[in-house]
Amino acid sequence: QNAPPPSTICKRNVRIIILPGFGNDAIDYQEPLGQPKEVGLVSCLERRGCSSVTVVPIARSDWVKVFTRGLTDSNFLRGNADWNTKAYDWYLETARNSVLEMIQKSDTDTPLILCGHSAGGWLARALLRRYPELEMSITAVVTLGAPHYPPRDRDCATRGVLSALRHADQRDGPPTIPFITVAGDAIDAVDSFTLDSYSRVATKDAQYFCGDGVVPLTAAHLDFASKCITIDGALHSINQPGTTKPTDVWYGAELFIDDWLPSVLETLKL
């Protein structure tokens, strides 16, 4: 089935690198859950004139390294890890290589945007802390449903990385390039599953929050962001909550691309 004509068209060439979320595979942004390529985020962006769209080549099986490598990192085990932790160095090195490859094979005057989904959003921040020299080659960072703050009342799943990023932003200042955060306003924390999910990344009492089903609004928007976009009805993942069935109402679906991409292009004057 042919996709409808997009309402957003890039006025100039734009390069985008997608950083996958925790547990995701690169294929999830190309052919999500076995659907046609036209459904994927990559194709949605290409139809809108983005000249080069790639996904950091992460495999689903790679995520076990967070735990196998994390077990050898004392700071990770104590919950005091930062962006240099062994638990995530494999991801950041792979992302760095994707950025360098994109820089080398295309015109350096063409804007380059990092688009981080879920954990890929805070990992984009970690990438710039670990490899600050990359910042001069990146135009902006867009995050889709990313948890940016450590939880208030429970251990952080990042084992300290979110806290380290927060402290670095306060101590040294945030990155100099624009950040644009996108969040979904779809599900209230009215059931135990959603309440538990929001509590894992909530900085306040999660029972009063709404979010995308995984990340509440208060955790998804950075206080230093150049633009904060909230989309009514947008869900967090490529699948319907609690199932393996695909959904067409997540951030990267055709339905919602034009709810955030125009604001990104306008903010960056592209």
C-alpha atoms as a PDB file:
ATOM      1  CA  GLN A   1       0.000   0.000   0.000  1.00  0.00           C
ATOM      2  CA  ASN A   2       1.375   3.371  -1.009  1.00  0.00           C
ATOM      3  CA  ALA A   3       1.962   5.937   1.735  1.00  0.00           C
ATOM      4  CA  PRO A   4       0.111   9.260   1.459  1.00  0.00           C
ATOM      5  CA  PRO A   5       2.099  12.232   0.138  1.00  0.00           C
ATOM      6  CA  PRO A   6       4.041  13.841   3.010  1.00  0.00           C
ATOM      7  CA  SER A   7       3.058  17.320   4.114  1.00  0.00           C
ATOM      8  CA  THR A   8       6.642  18.174   5.087  1.00  0.00           C
ATOM      9  CA  ILE A   9       9.451  18.488   2.564  1.00  0.00           C
ATOM     10  CA  CYS A  10      13.017  19.462   3.472  1.00  0.00           C
ATOM     11  CA  LYS A  11      14.046  22.591   1.606  1.00  0.00           C
ATOM     12  CA  ARG A  12      17.680  21.512   1.583  1.00  0.00           C
ATOM     13  CA  ASN A  13      19.684  18.344   2.012  1.00  0.00           C
ATOM     14  CA  VAL A  14      19.653  16.987   5.553  1.00  0.00           C
ATOM     15  CA  ARG A  15      21.558  14.002   6.910  1.00  0.00           C
ATOM     16  CA  ILE A  16      20.056  12.024   9.804  1.00  0.00           C
ATOM     17  CA  ILE A  17      21.547   9.272  11.943  1.00  0.00           C
ATOM     18  CA  ILE A  18      19.061   7.306  14.055  1.00  0.00           C
ATOM     19  CA  LEU A  19      20.274   6.013  17.416  1.00  0.00           C
ATOM     20  CA  PRO A  20      18.233   2.940  18.457  1.00  0.00           C
ATOM     21  CA  GLY A  21      16.583   2.618  21.844  1.00  0.00           C
ATOM     22  CA  PHE A  22      17.310  -0.014  24.479  1.00  0.00           C
ATOM     23  CA  GLY A  23      16.548  -3.496  23.165  1.00  0.00           C
ATOM     24  CA  ASN A  24      15.935  -2.227  19.662  1.00  0.00           C
ATOM     25  CA  ASP A  25      17.612  -3.427  16.487  1.00  0.00           C
ATOM     26  CA  ALA A  26      18.475  -1.246  13.505  1.00  0.00           C
ATOM     27  CA  ILE A  27      15.842  -3.163  11.508  1.00  0.00           C
ATOM     28  CA  ASP A  28      13.137  -1.723  13.796  1.00  0.00           C
ATOM     29  CA  TYR A  29      13.585   1.637  12.089  1.00  0.00           C
ATOM     30  CA  GLN A  30      13.809   0.171   8.597  1.00  0.00           C
ATOM     31  CA  GLU A  31      11.268  -2.676   8.470  1.00  0.00           C
ATOM     32  CA  PRO A  32       9.589  -2.614  11.899  1.00  0.00           C
ATOM     33  CA  LEU A  33       8.291  -6.023  13.008  1.00  0.00           C
ATOM     34  CA  GLY A  34       8.462  -7.390   9.480  1.00  0.00           C
ATOM     35  CA  GLN A  35       6.358  -4.660   7.920  1.00  0.00           C
ATOM     36  CA  PRO A  36       7.175  -3.224   4.473  1.00  0.00           C
ATOM     37  CA  LYS A  37      10.150  -0.907   4.230  1.00  0.00           C
ATOM     38  CA  GLU A  38       7.830   1.994   3.399  1.00  0.00           C
ATOM     39  CA  VAL A  39       6.460   1.868   6.965  1.00  0.00           C
ATOM     40  CA  GLY A  40       9.828   2.406   8.651  1.00  0.00           C
ATOM     41  CA  LEU A  41      11.123   5.650  10.087  1.00  0.00           C
ATOM     42  CA  VAL A  42      13.993   5.689   7.588  1.00  0.00           C
ATOM     43  CA  SER A  43      11.616   5.658   4.605  1.00  0.00           C
ATOM     44  CA  CYS A  44       9.299   8.209   6.247  1.00  0.00           C
ATOM     45  CA  LEU A  45      12.203  10.634   6.547  1.00  0.00           C
ATOM     46  CA  GLU A  46      13.490   9.910   3.042  1.00  0.00           C
ATOM     47  CA  ARG A  47      10.059  10.639   1.570  1.00  0.00           C
ATOM     48  CA  ARG A  48      10.315  14.070   3.138  1.00  0.00           C
ATOM     49  CA  GLY A  49      13.523  14.871   1.329  1.00  0.00           C
ATOM     50  CA  CYS A  50      16.139  13.928   3.901  1.00  0.00           C
ATOM     51  CA  SER A  51      19.061  13.193   1.620  1.00  0.00           C
ATOM     52  CA  SER A  52      20.803  10.548   3.713  1.00  0.00           C
ATOM     53  CA  VAL A  53      19.240   8.583   6.567  1.00  0.00           C
ATOM     54  CA  THR A  54      21.070   5.794   8.346  1.00  0.00           C
ATOM     55  CA  VAL A  55      20.645   3.802  11.550  1.00  0.00           C
ATOM     56  CA  VAL A  56      23.482   3.018  13.932  1.00  0.00           C
ATOM     57  CA  PRO A  57      24.003  -0.725  13.253  1.00  0.00           C
ATOM     58  CA  ILE A  58      22.931  -2.119  16.608  1.00  0.00           C
ATOM     59  CA  ALA A  59      21.649  -5.705  16.840  1.00  0.00           C
ATOM     60  CA  ARG A  60      19.107  -6.768  19.438  1.00  0.00           C
ATOM     61  CA  SER A  61      21.563  -9.319  20.792  1.00  0.00           C
ATOM     62  CA  ASP A  62      24.140  -6.559  21.397  1.00  0.00           C
ATOM     63  CA  TRP A  63      22.228  -5.261  24.407  1.00  0.00           C
ATOM     64  CA  VAL A  64      23.340  -8.176  26.564  1.00  0.00           C
ATOM     65  CA  LYS A  65      26.716  -6.402  26.637  1.00  0.00           C
ATOM     66  CA  VAL A  66      25.224  -3.797  28.981  1.00  0.00           C
ATOM     67  CA  PHE A  67      25.097  -6.497  31.635  1.00  0.00           C
ATOM     68  CA  THR A  68      28.112  -8.650  30.724  1.00  0.00           C
ATOM     69  CA  ARG A  69      30.428  -5.640  30.461  1.00  0.00           C
ATOM     70  CA  GLY A  70      28.715  -3.789  33.257  1.00  0.00           C
ATOM     71  CA  LEU A  71      29.534  -6.609  35.648  1.00  0.00           C
ATOM     72  CA  THR A  72      33.227  -5.809  35.163  1.00  0.00           C
ATOM     73  CA  ASP A  73      32.738  -2.083  35.888  1.00  0.00           C
ATOM     74  CA  SER A  74      32.769  -1.277  39.604  1.00  0.00           C
ATOM     75  CA  ASN A  75      31.212   2.152  39.071  1.00  0.00           C
ATOM     76  CA  PHE A  76      28.351   0.589  37.113  1.00  0.00           C
ATOM     77  CA  LEU A  77      27.747  -1.943  39.880  1.00  0.00           C
ATOM     78  CA  ARG A  78      27.718   0.805  42.519  1.00  0.00           C
ATOM     79  CA  GLY A  79      25.379   2.985  40.468  1.00  0.00           C
ATOM     80  CA  ASN A  80      28.034   5.664  39.906  1.00  0.00           C
ATOM     81  CA  ALA A  81      28.703   5.084  36.210  1.00  0.00           C
ATOM     82  CA  ASP A  82      29.189   7.851  33.660  1.00  0.00           C
ATOM     83  CA  TRP A  83      29.534   7.940  29.870  1.00  0.00           C
ATOM     84  CA  ASN A  84      32.853   6.086  30.056  1.00  0.00           C
ATOM     85  CA  THR A  85      31.318   2.948  31.548  1.00  0.00           C
ATOM     86  CA  LYS A  86      32.130  -0.366  29.886  1.00  0.00           C
ATOM     87  CA  ALA A  87      28.418  -1.152  29.887  1.00  0.00           C
ATOM     88  CA  TYR A  88      27.752   1.276  27.050  1.00  0.00           C
ATOM     89  CA  ASP A  89      31.151   1.815  25.425  1.00  0.00           C
ATOM     90  CA  TRP A  90      30.303  -0.630  22.635  1.00  0.00           C
ATOM     91  CA  TYR A  91      27.219   1.419  21.722  1.00  0.00           C
ATOM     92  CA  LEU A  92      28.994   4.763  21.839  1.00  0.00           C
ATOM     93  CA  GLU A  93      31.913   3.492  19.763  1.00  0.00           C
ATOM     94  CA  THR A  94      29.497   2.131  17.151  1.00  0.00           C
ATOM     95  CA  ALA A  95      27.583   5.428  17.091  1.00  0.00           C
ATOM     96  CA  ARG A  96      30.827   7.379  16.768  1.00  0.00           C
ATOM     97  CA  ASN A  97      31.838   5.254  13.789  1.00  0.00           C
ATOM     98  CA  SER A  98      28.459   5.931  12.160  1.00  0.00           C
ATOM     99  CA  VAL A  99      28.957   9.679  12.573  1.00  0.00           C
ATOM    100  CA  LEU A 100      32.498   9.573  11.197  1.00  0.00           C
ATOM    101  CA  GLU A 101      31.395   7.466   8.232  1.00  0.00           C
ATOM    102  CA  MET A 102      28.588   9.906   7.448  1.00  0.00           C
ATOM    103  CA  ILE A 103      30.989  12.853   7.672  1.00  0.00           C
ATOM    104  CA  GLN A 104      33.505  11.221   5.370  1.00  0.00           C
ATOM    105  CA  LYS A 105      31.098  10.186   2.630  1.00  0.00           C
ATOM    106  CA  SER A 106      28.999  13.352   2.284  1.00  0.00           C
ATOM    107  CA  ASP A 107      29.306  17.108   2.030  1.00  0.00           C
ATOM    108  CA  THR A 108      30.324  18.555   5.388  1.00  0.00           C
ATOM    109  CA  ASP A 109      28.154  21.624   4.695  1.00  0.00           C
ATOM    110  CA  THR A 110      25.039  19.444   4.759  1.00  0.00           C
ATOM    111  CA  PRO A 111      23.336  19.564   8.187  1.00  0.00           C
ATOM    112  CA  LEU A 112      23.750  16.410  10.257  1.00  0.00           C
ATOM    113  CA  ILE A 113      21.106  15.562  12.851  1.00  0.00           C
ATOM    114  CA  LEU A 114      21.271  12.816  15.455  1.00  0.00           C
ATOM    115  CA  CYS A 115      17.827  11.341  16.141  1.00  0.00           C
ATOM    116  CA  GLY A 116      17.812   9.268  19.321  1.00  0.00           C
ATOM    117  CA  HIS A 117      14.810   7.094  20.120  1.00  0.00           C
ATOM    118  CA  SER A 118      14.215   6.183  23.774  1.00  0.00           C
ATOM    119  CA  ALA A 119      17.591   5.337  25.344  1.00  0.00           C
ATOM    120  CA  GLY A 120      19.172   6.468  22.091  1.00  0.00           C
ATOM    121  CA  GLY A 121      18.325  10.004  23.186  1.00  0.00           C
ATOM    122  CA  TRP A 122      20.359  10.034  26.388  1.00  0.00           C
ATOM    123  CA  LEU A 123      23.018   7.933  24.690  1.00  0.00           C
ATOM    124  CA  ALA A 124      23.351  10.756  22.138  1.00  0.00           C
ATOM    125  CA  ARG A 125      24.124  13.059  25.065  1.00  0.00           C
ATOM    126  CA  ALA A 126      26.648  10.520  26.370  1.00  0.00           C
ATOM    127  CA  LEU A 127      28.216  10.333  22.894  1.00  0.00           C
ATOM    128  CA  LEU A 128      28.909  14.068  22.920  1.00  0.00           C
ATOM    129  CA  ARG A 129      30.419  13.866  26.404  1.00  0.00           C
ATOM    130  CA  ARG A 130      32.653  10.934  25.506  1.00  0.00           C
ATOM    131  CA  TYR A 131      33.654  12.307  22.110  1.00  0.00           C
ATOM    132  CA  PRO A 132      33.261  16.117  22.384  1.00  0.00           C
ATOM    133  CA  GLU A 133      35.124  16.620  19.113  1.00  0.00           C
ATOM    134  CA  LEU A 134      32.042  15.305  17.289  1.00  0.00           C
ATOM    135  CA  GLU A 135      29.983  18.303  18.345  1.00  0.00           C
ATOM    136  CA  MET A 136      31.516  20.527  15.672  1.00  0.00           C
ATOM    137  CA  SER A 137      30.197  18.172  12.972  1.00  0.00           C
ATOM    138  CA  ILE A 138      26.666  17.743  14.344  1.00  0.00           C
ATOM    139  CA  THR A 139      23.951  20.318  13.710  1.00  0.00           C
ATOM    140  CA  ALA A 140      21.456  19.205  16.335  1.00  0.00           C
ATOM    141  CA  VAL A 141      20.115  16.323  18.402  1.00  0.00           C
ATOM    142  CA  VAL A 142      16.466  15.261  18.328  1.00  0.00           C
ATOM    143  CA  THR A 143      15.205  12.848  20.980  1.00  0.00           C
ATOM    144  CA  LEU A 144      12.021  10.796  20.666  1.00  0.00           C
ATOM    145  CA  GLY A 145      10.592   9.621  23.982  1.00  0.00           C
ATOM    146  CA  ALA A 146      13.976   9.636  25.711  1.00  0.00           C
ATOM    147  CA  PRO A 147      14.237   9.462  29.527  1.00  0.00           C
ATOM    148  CA  HIS A 148      16.615  12.307  30.337  1.00  0.00           C
ATOM    149  CA  TYR A 149      16.522  12.425  34.146  1.00  0.00           C
ATOM    150  CA  PRO A 150      17.262   9.846  36.830  1.00  0.00           C
ATOM    151  CA  PRO A 151      14.272   8.647  38.883  1.00  0.00           C
ATOM    152  CA  ARG A 152      13.599  10.183  42.271  1.00  0.00           C
ATOM    153  CA  ASP A 153      12.696   7.216  44.459  1.00  0.00           C
ATOM    154  CA  ARG A 154      14.359   4.141  42.928  1.00  0.00           C
ATOM    155  CA  ASP A 155      17.606   2.930  41.405  1.00  0.00           C
ATOM    156  CA  CYS A 156      18.322   4.266  37.933  1.00  0.00           C
ATOM    157  CA  ALA A 157      18.432   1.651  35.184  1.00  0.00           C
ATOM    158  CA  THR A 158      21.434   3.475  33.663  1.00  0.00           C
ATOM    159  CA  ARG A 159      23.363   2.835  36.891  1.00  0.00           C
ATOM    160  CA  GLY A 160      24.368   6.461  37.235  1.00  0.00           C
ATOM    161  CA  VAL A 161      24.845   7.647  33.664  1.00  0.00           C
ATOM    162  CA  LEU A 162      21.796   9.928  33.671  1.00  0.00           C
ATOM    163  CA  SER A 163      22.927  11.511  36.940  1.00  0.00           C
ATOM    164  CA  ALA A 164      26.441  12.014  35.547  1.00  0.00           C
ATOM    165  CA  LEU A 165      25.039  13.695  32.438  1.00  0.00           C
ATOM    166  CA  ARG A 166      22.844  15.929  34.560  1.00  0.00           C
ATOM    167  CA  HIS A 167      25.756  16.948  36.799  1.00  0.00           C
ATOM    168  CA  ALA A 168      27.979  17.621  33.772  1.00  0.00           C
ATOM    169  CA  ASP A 169      25.315  19.881  32.246  1.00  0.00           C
ATOM    170  CA  GLN A 170      25.065  21.813  35.526  1.00  0.00           C
ATOM    171  CA  ARG A 171      28.822  21.991  36.084  1.00  0.00           C
ATOM    172  CA  ASP A 172      30.123  22.604  32.559  1.00  0.00           C
ATOM    173  CA  GLY A 173      27.003  23.757  30.778  1.00  0.00           C
ATOM    174  CA  PRO A 174      24.939  21.753  28.279  1.00  0.00           C
ATOM    175  CA  PRO A 175      26.145  21.008  24.749  1.00  0.00           C
ATOM    176  CA  THR A 176      26.322  24.075  22.524  1.00  0.00           C
ATOM    177  CA  ILE A 177      24.305  22.527  19.692  1.00  0.00           C
ATOM    178  CA  PRO A 178      20.492  22.623  19.754  1.00  0.00           C
ATOM    179  CA  PHE A 179      18.547  19.824  21.410  1.00  0.00           C
ATOM    180  CA  ILE A 180      14.923  19.235  20.445  1.00  0.00           C
ATOM    181  CA  THR A 181      12.944  16.863  22.649  1.00  0.00           C
ATOM    182  CA  VAL A 182       9.800  15.061  21.510  1.00  0.00           C
ATOM    183  CA  ALA A 183       7.419  13.415  23.979  1.00  0.00           C
ATOM    184  CA  GLY A 184       4.084  11.625  23.743  1.00  0.00           C
ATOM    185  CA  ASP A 185       0.967  12.542  25.685  1.00  0.00           C
ATOM    186  CA  ALA A 186      -0.991   9.319  25.254  1.00  0.00           C
ATOM    187  CA  ILE A 187      -1.407   7.288  28.437  1.00  0.00           C
ATOM    188  CA  ASP A 188      -2.141   8.323  32.006  1.00  0.00           C
ATOM    189  CA  ALA A 189      -0.536   6.379  34.848  1.00  0.00           C
ATOM    190  CA  VAL A 190      -3.826   4.723  35.799  1.00  0.00           C
ATOM    191  CA  ASP A 191      -2.737   1.077  35.802  1.00  0.00           C
ATOM    192  CA  SER A 192       0.046  -0.703  37.661  1.00  0.00           C
ATOM    193  CA  PHE A 193       2.085  -1.448  34.513  1.00  0.00           C
ATOM    194  CA  THR A 194       2.184   2.173  33.335  1.00  0.00           C
ATOM    195  CA  LEU A 195       2.692   3.495  36.860  1.00  0.00           C
ATOM    196  CA  ASP A 196       5.677   1.183  37.330  1.00  0.00           C
ATOM    197  CA  SER A 197       7.118   2.177  33.944  1.00  0.00           C
ATOM    198  CA  TYR A 198       6.792   5.888  34.646  1.00  0.00           C
ATOM    199  CA  SER A 199       8.212   5.446  38.158  1.00  0.00           C
ATOM    200  CA  ARG A 200      11.416   4.033  36.693  1.00  0.00           C
ATOM    201  CA  VAL A 201      12.229   7.392  35.091  1.00  0.00           C
ATOM    202  CA  ALA A 202      10.016   9.855  36.973  1.00  0.00           C
ATOM    203  CA  THR A 203      11.512  12.721  38.939  1.00  0.00           C
ATOM    204  CA  LYS A 204       8.208  13.285  40.776  1.00  0.00           C
ATOM    205  CA  ASP A 205       5.200  11.235  41.828  1.00  0.00           C
ATOM    206  CA  ALA A 206       4.435   9.283  38.660  1.00  0.00           C
ATOM    207  CA  GLN A 207       0.793   8.582  39.469  1.00  0.00           C
ATOM    208  CA  TYR A 208      -0.115  12.099  38.320  1.00  0.00           C
ATOM    209  CA  PHE A 209       1.729  11.865  35.034  1.00  0.00           C
ATOM    210  CA  CYS A 210       0.897  11.233  31.433  1.00  0.00           C
ATOM    211  CA  GLY A 211       3.355  10.049  28.828  1.00  0.00           C
ATOM    212  CA  ASP A 212       3.957   7.719  25.919  1.00  0.00           C
ATOM    213  CA  GLY A 213       3.342   4.542  27.917  1.00  0.00           C
ATOM    214  CA  VAL A 214       6.996   4.145  28.930  1.00  0.00           C
ATOM    215  CA  VAL A 215       8.417   7.620  29.574  1.00  0.00           C
ATOM    216  CA  PRO A 216       6.401  10.396  31.272  1.00  0.00           C
ATOM    217  CA  LEU A 217       6.409  13.903  29.865  1.00  0.00           C
ATOM    218  CA  THR A 218       8.419  15.309  32.765  1.00  0.00           C
ATOM    219  CA  ALA A 219      11.347  12.989  32.021  1.00  0.00           C
ATOM    220  CA  ALA A 220      11.316  13.390  28.239  1.00  0.00           C
ATOM    221  CA  HIS A 221      11.849  17.151  27.966  1.00  0.00           C
ATOM    222  CA  LEU A 222      15.249  18.663  28.757  1.00  0.00           C
ATOM    223  CA  ASP A 223      15.231  21.975  30.572  1.00  0.00           C
ATOM    224  CA  PHE A 224      17.904  23.312  28.201  1.00  0.00           C
ATOM    225  CA  ALA A 225      16.188  22.119  25.018  1.00  0.00           C
ATOM    226  CA  SER A 226      15.814  24.645  22.213  1.00  0.00           C
ATOM    227  CA  LYS A 227      12.363  23.216  21.539  1.00  0.00           C
ATOM    228  CA  CYS A 228      10.073  20.833  23.443  1.00  0.00           C
ATOM    229  CA  ILE A 229       7.401  19.120  21.346  1.00  0.00           C
ATOM    230  CA  THR A 230       4.559  17.133  22.896  1.00  0.00           C
ATOM    231  CA  ILE A 231       2.427  14.971  20.603  1.00  0.00           C
ATOM    232  CA  ASP A 232      -1.049  13.994  21.681  1.00  0.00           C
ATOM    233  CA  GLY A 233      -1.541  10.246  21.264  1.00  0.00           C
ATOM    234  CA  ALA A 234       2.046   9.261  20.389  1.00  0.00           C
ATOM    235  CA  LEU A 235       3.211   5.950  21.867  1.00  0.00           C
ATOM    236  CA  HIS A 236       6.768   5.041  22.784  1.00  0.00           C
ATOM    237  CA  SER A 237       7.514   1.940  20.736  1.00  0.00           C
ATOM    238  CA  ILE A 238       7.022   0.272  17.374  1.00  0.00           C
ATOM    239  CA  ASN A 239       4.754  -2.309  19.021  1.00  0.00           C
ATOM    240  CA  GLN A 240       1.442  -2.053  20.829  1.00  0.00           C
ATOM    241  CA  PRO A 241       2.063  -1.994  24.611  1.00  0.00           C
ATOM    242  CA  GLY A 242       2.550  -5.474  26.018  1.00  0.00           C
ATOM    243  CA  THR A 243       2.402  -7.181  22.613  1.00  0.00           C
ATOM    244  CA  THR A 244       4.530  -7.915  19.553  1.00  0.00           C
ATOM    245  CA  LYS A 245       1.921  -6.394  17.264  1.00  0.00           C
ATOM    246  CA  PRO A 246       3.087  -3.325  15.308  1.00  0.00           C
ATOM    247  CA  THR A 247       1.525   0.061  15.888  1.00  0.00           C
ATOM    248  CA  ASP A 248       1.144   3.026  13.566  1.00  0.00           C
ATOM    249  CA  VAL A 249       0.909   5.550  16.404  1.00  0.00           C
ATOM    250  CA  TRP A 250       4.495   5.758  17.654  1.00  0.00           C
ATOM    251  CA  TYR A 251       6.853   8.711  17.106  1.00  0.00           C
ATOM    252  CA  GLY A 252       8.348   7.319  13.926  1.00  0.00           C
ATOM    253  CA  ALA A 253       5.090   6.377  12.249  1.00  0.00           C
ATOM    254  CA  GLU A 254       3.783   8.162   9.163  1.00  0.00           C
ATOM    255  CA  LEU A 255       0.915   9.524  11.258  1.00  0.00           C
ATOM    256  CA  PHE A 256       3.182  11.520  13.592  1.00  0.00           C
ATOM    257  CA  ILE A 257       6.303  12.445  11.603  1.00  0.00           C
ATOM    258  CA  ASP A 258       4.768  15.747  10.560  1.00  0.00           C
ATOM    259  CA  ASP A 259       3.968  16.584  14.180  1.00  0.00           C
ATOM    260  CA  TRP A 260       7.664  16.985  14.996  1.00  0.00           C
ATOM    261  CA  LEU A 261       9.810  17.159  11.849  1.00  0.00           C
ATOM    262  CA  PRO A 262       8.512  20.597  10.698  1.00  0.00           C
ATOM    263  CA  SER A 263       9.303  22.066  14.124  1.00  0.00           C
ATOM    264  CA  VAL A 264      12.795  20.583  13.967  1.00  0.00           C
ATOM    265  CA  LEU A 265      13.442  22.082  10.527  1.00  0.00           C
ATOM    266  CA  GLU A 266      11.968  25.427  11.544  1.00  0.00           C
ATOM    267  CA  THR A 267      13.995  25.589  14.765  1.00  0.00           C
ATOM    268  CA  LEU A 268      17.184  24.843  12.838  1.00  0.00           C
ATOM    269  CA  LYS A 269      16.162  27.165   9.981  1.00  0.00           C
ATOM    270  CA  LEU A 270      16.530  24.386   7.439  1.00  0.00           C
END
